[in-house]
Amino acid sequence: MNNIQWHSAGEIALKLAENIKLRRKSMSITQKELAERSGVSYGSVKRFEEQGLISLSSLIKIAIVLRCENEIEQLFTKKVYGSIEEVINERNK
């Protein structure tokens, strides 16, 4: 049985926003403080947390304040294999 789950861009954006919100709260930072520290407008921070809408540049600024910029840098770095042979060949190098 195929267990692949497909998510829309909106669903992914909302999950990312929820993760950021949880991180912000765990650091005891308000939305206004996050806006001030990151240079991202308060309206943008609020819109992101509520709707998942934000520019990449603003997301990066927020990630820096929340000390998770490395996670942004690591996006799309995991190698994708097309076959089991590629995995075996990679391990045998």
C-alpha atoms as a PDB file:
ATOM      1  CA  MET A   1       0.000   0.000   0.000  1.00  0.00           C
ATOM      2  CA  ASN A   2       1.222   3.473  -0.866  1.00  0.00           C
ATOM      3  CA  ASN A   3       1.581   5.705   2.216  1.00  0.00           C
ATOM      4  CA  ILE A   4       2.559   8.892   0.389  1.00  0.00           C
ATOM      5  CA  GLN A   5       0.697  11.908   1.731  1.00  0.00           C
ATOM      6  CA  TRP A   6       0.253  14.857  -0.578  1.00  0.00           C
ATOM      7  CA  HIS A   7      -0.009  18.303   0.933  1.00  0.00           C
ATOM      8  CA  SER A   8      -0.944  21.575  -0.693  1.00  0.00           C
ATOM      9  CA  ALA A   9       1.358  24.578  -0.593  1.00  0.00           C
ATOM     10  CA  GLY A  10      -1.089  26.273   1.758  1.00  0.00           C
ATOM     11  CA  GLU A  11      -1.076  23.335   4.170  1.00  0.00           C
ATOM     12  CA  ILE A  12       2.713  23.270   4.251  1.00  0.00           C
ATOM     13  CA  ALA A  13       2.870  27.044   4.767  1.00  0.00           C
ATOM     14  CA  LEU A  14       0.423  26.839   7.682  1.00  0.00           C
ATOM     15  CA  LYS A  15       2.418  24.015   9.288  1.00  0.00           C
ATOM     16  CA  LEU A  16       5.617  26.032   8.912  1.00  0.00           C
ATOM     17  CA  ALA A  17       3.885  29.067  10.424  1.00  0.00           C
ATOM     18  CA  GLU A  18       2.674  26.959  13.353  1.00  0.00           C
ATOM     19  CA  ASN A  19       6.218  25.656  13.936  1.00  0.00           C
ATOM     20  CA  ILE A  20       7.601  29.194  13.901  1.00  0.00           C
ATOM     21  CA  LYS A  21       4.873  30.370  16.276  1.00  0.00           C
ATOM     22  CA  LEU A  22       5.657  27.538  18.721  1.00  0.00           C
ATOM     23  CA  ARG A  23       9.360  28.345  18.560  1.00  0.00           C
ATOM     24  CA  ARG A  24       8.690  32.044  19.124  1.00  0.00           C
ATOM     25  CA  LYS A  25       6.505  31.308  22.125  1.00  0.00           C
ATOM     26  CA  SER A  26       9.017  28.847  23.581  1.00  0.00           C
ATOM     27  CA  MET A  27      11.545  31.689  23.514  1.00  0.00           C
ATOM     28  CA  SER A  28       9.022  34.022  25.209  1.00  0.00           C
ATOM     29  CA  ILE A  29       9.047  36.453  22.289  1.00  0.00           C
ATOM     30  CA  THR A  30       5.891  38.328  21.324  1.00  0.00           C
ATOM     31  CA  GLN A  31       4.902  38.960  17.719  1.00  0.00           C
ATOM     32  CA  LYS A  32       5.758  42.636  18.178  1.00  0.00           C
ATOM     33  CA  GLU A  33       9.189  41.790  19.607  1.00  0.00           C
ATOM     34  CA  LEU A  34       9.840  39.396  16.738  1.00  0.00           C
ATOM     35  CA  ALA A  35       8.891  42.110  14.275  1.00  0.00           C
ATOM     36  CA  GLU A  36      11.200  44.639  15.937  1.00  0.00           C
ATOM     37  CA  ARG A  37      14.152  42.256  16.215  1.00  0.00           C
ATOM     38  CA  SER A  38      13.827  40.895  12.682  1.00  0.00           C
ATOM     39  CA  GLY A  39      12.981  44.094  10.826  1.00  0.00           C
ATOM     40  CA  VAL A  40       9.847  42.411   9.460  1.00  0.00           C
ATOM     41  CA  SER A  41       6.655  44.413   9.906  1.00  0.00           C
ATOM     42  CA  TYR A  42       4.295  43.394  12.686  1.00  0.00           C
ATOM     43  CA  GLY A  43       1.549  42.936  10.095  1.00  0.00           C
ATOM     44  CA  SER A  44       3.716  40.496   8.146  1.00  0.00           C
ATOM     45  CA  VAL A  45       4.542  38.479  11.268  1.00  0.00           C
ATOM     46  CA  LYS A  46       0.881  38.341  12.239  1.00  0.00           C
ATOM     47  CA  ARG A  47      -0.241  37.436   8.692  1.00  0.00           C
ATOM     48  CA  PHE A  48       2.365  34.687   8.524  1.00  0.00           C
ATOM     49  CA  GLU A  49       1.294  33.091  11.779  1.00  0.00           C
ATOM     50  CA  GLU A  50      -2.398  33.319  10.856  1.00  0.00           C
ATOM     51  CA  GLN A  51      -2.336  32.577   7.124  1.00  0.00           C
ATOM     52  CA  GLY A  52       1.108  31.159   6.317  1.00  0.00           C
ATOM     53  CA  LEU A  53       1.858  34.039   3.929  1.00  0.00           C
ATOM     54  CA  ILE A  54       5.340  35.607   3.989  1.00  0.00           C
ATOM     55  CA  SER A  55       8.189  36.476   1.654  1.00  0.00           C
ATOM     56  CA  LEU A  56      11.268  34.277   1.673  1.00  0.00           C
ATOM     57  CA  SER A  57      13.411  37.212   2.762  1.00  0.00           C
ATOM     58  CA  SER A  58      11.154  37.899   5.748  1.00  0.00           C
ATOM     59  CA  LEU A  59      11.085  34.219   6.665  1.00  0.00           C
ATOM     60  CA  ILE A  60      14.869  34.148   6.718  1.00  0.00           C
ATOM     61  CA  LYS A  61      15.005  37.257   8.924  1.00  0.00           C
ATOM     62  CA  ILE A  62      12.590  35.627  11.367  1.00  0.00           C
ATOM     63  CA  ALA A  63      14.582  32.377  11.316  1.00  0.00           C
ATOM     64  CA  ILE A  64      17.737  34.277  12.237  1.00  0.00           C
ATOM     65  CA  VAL A  65      16.063  35.850  15.273  1.00  0.00           C
ATOM     66  CA  LEU A  66      14.679  32.470  16.336  1.00  0.00           C
ATOM     67  CA  ARG A  67      18.109  30.867  15.843  1.00  0.00           C
ATOM     68  CA  CYS A  68      16.929  28.368  13.245  1.00  0.00           C
ATOM     69  CA  GLU A  69      18.559  29.793  10.121  1.00  0.00           C
ATOM     70  CA  ASN A  70      20.562  26.578   9.725  1.00  0.00           C
ATOM     71  CA  GLU A  71      17.312  24.715   9.139  1.00  0.00           C
ATOM     72  CA  ILE A  72      16.507  27.104   6.281  1.00  0.00           C
ATOM     73  CA  GLU A  73      19.997  26.637   4.836  1.00  0.00           C
ATOM     74  CA  GLN A  74      19.552  22.864   4.912  1.00  0.00           C
ATOM     75  CA  LEU A  75      16.381  22.872   2.802  1.00  0.00           C
ATOM     76  CA  PHE A  76      16.723  20.846  -0.382  1.00  0.00           C
ATOM     77  CA  THR A  77      20.213  19.547   0.453  1.00  0.00           C
ATOM     78  CA  LYS A  78      19.218  15.929   1.004  1.00  0.00           C
ATOM     79  CA  LYS A  79      20.219  13.828  -1.984  1.00  0.00           C
ATOM     80  CA  VAL A  80      17.352  12.214  -3.845  1.00  0.00           C
ATOM     81  CA  TYR A  81      17.989   8.770  -5.296  1.00  0.00           C
ATOM     82  CA  GLY A  82      16.259   7.460  -8.389  1.00  0.00           C
ATOM     83  CA  SER A  83      16.873   3.798  -7.681  1.00  0.00           C
ATOM     84  CA  ILE A  84      18.219   1.359  -5.126  1.00  0.00           C
ATOM     85  CA  GLU A  85      21.280   0.929  -7.343  1.00  0.00           C
ATOM     86  CA  GLU A  86      22.166   4.590  -6.854  1.00  0.00           C
ATOM     87  CA  VAL A  87      21.991   4.123  -3.081  1.00  0.00           C
ATOM     88  CA  ILE A  88      24.216   1.043  -3.234  1.00  0.00           C
ATOM     89  CA  ASN A  89      26.704   2.744  -5.532  1.00  0.00           C
ATOM     90  CA  GLU A  90      26.841   5.782  -3.241  1.00  0.00           C
ATOM     91  CA  ARG A  91      27.558   3.598  -0.205  1.00  0.00           C
ATOM     92  CA  ASN A  92      30.276   1.670  -2.042  1.00  0.00           C
ATOM     93  CA  LYS A  93      32.258   4.803  -2.906  1.00  0.00           C
END
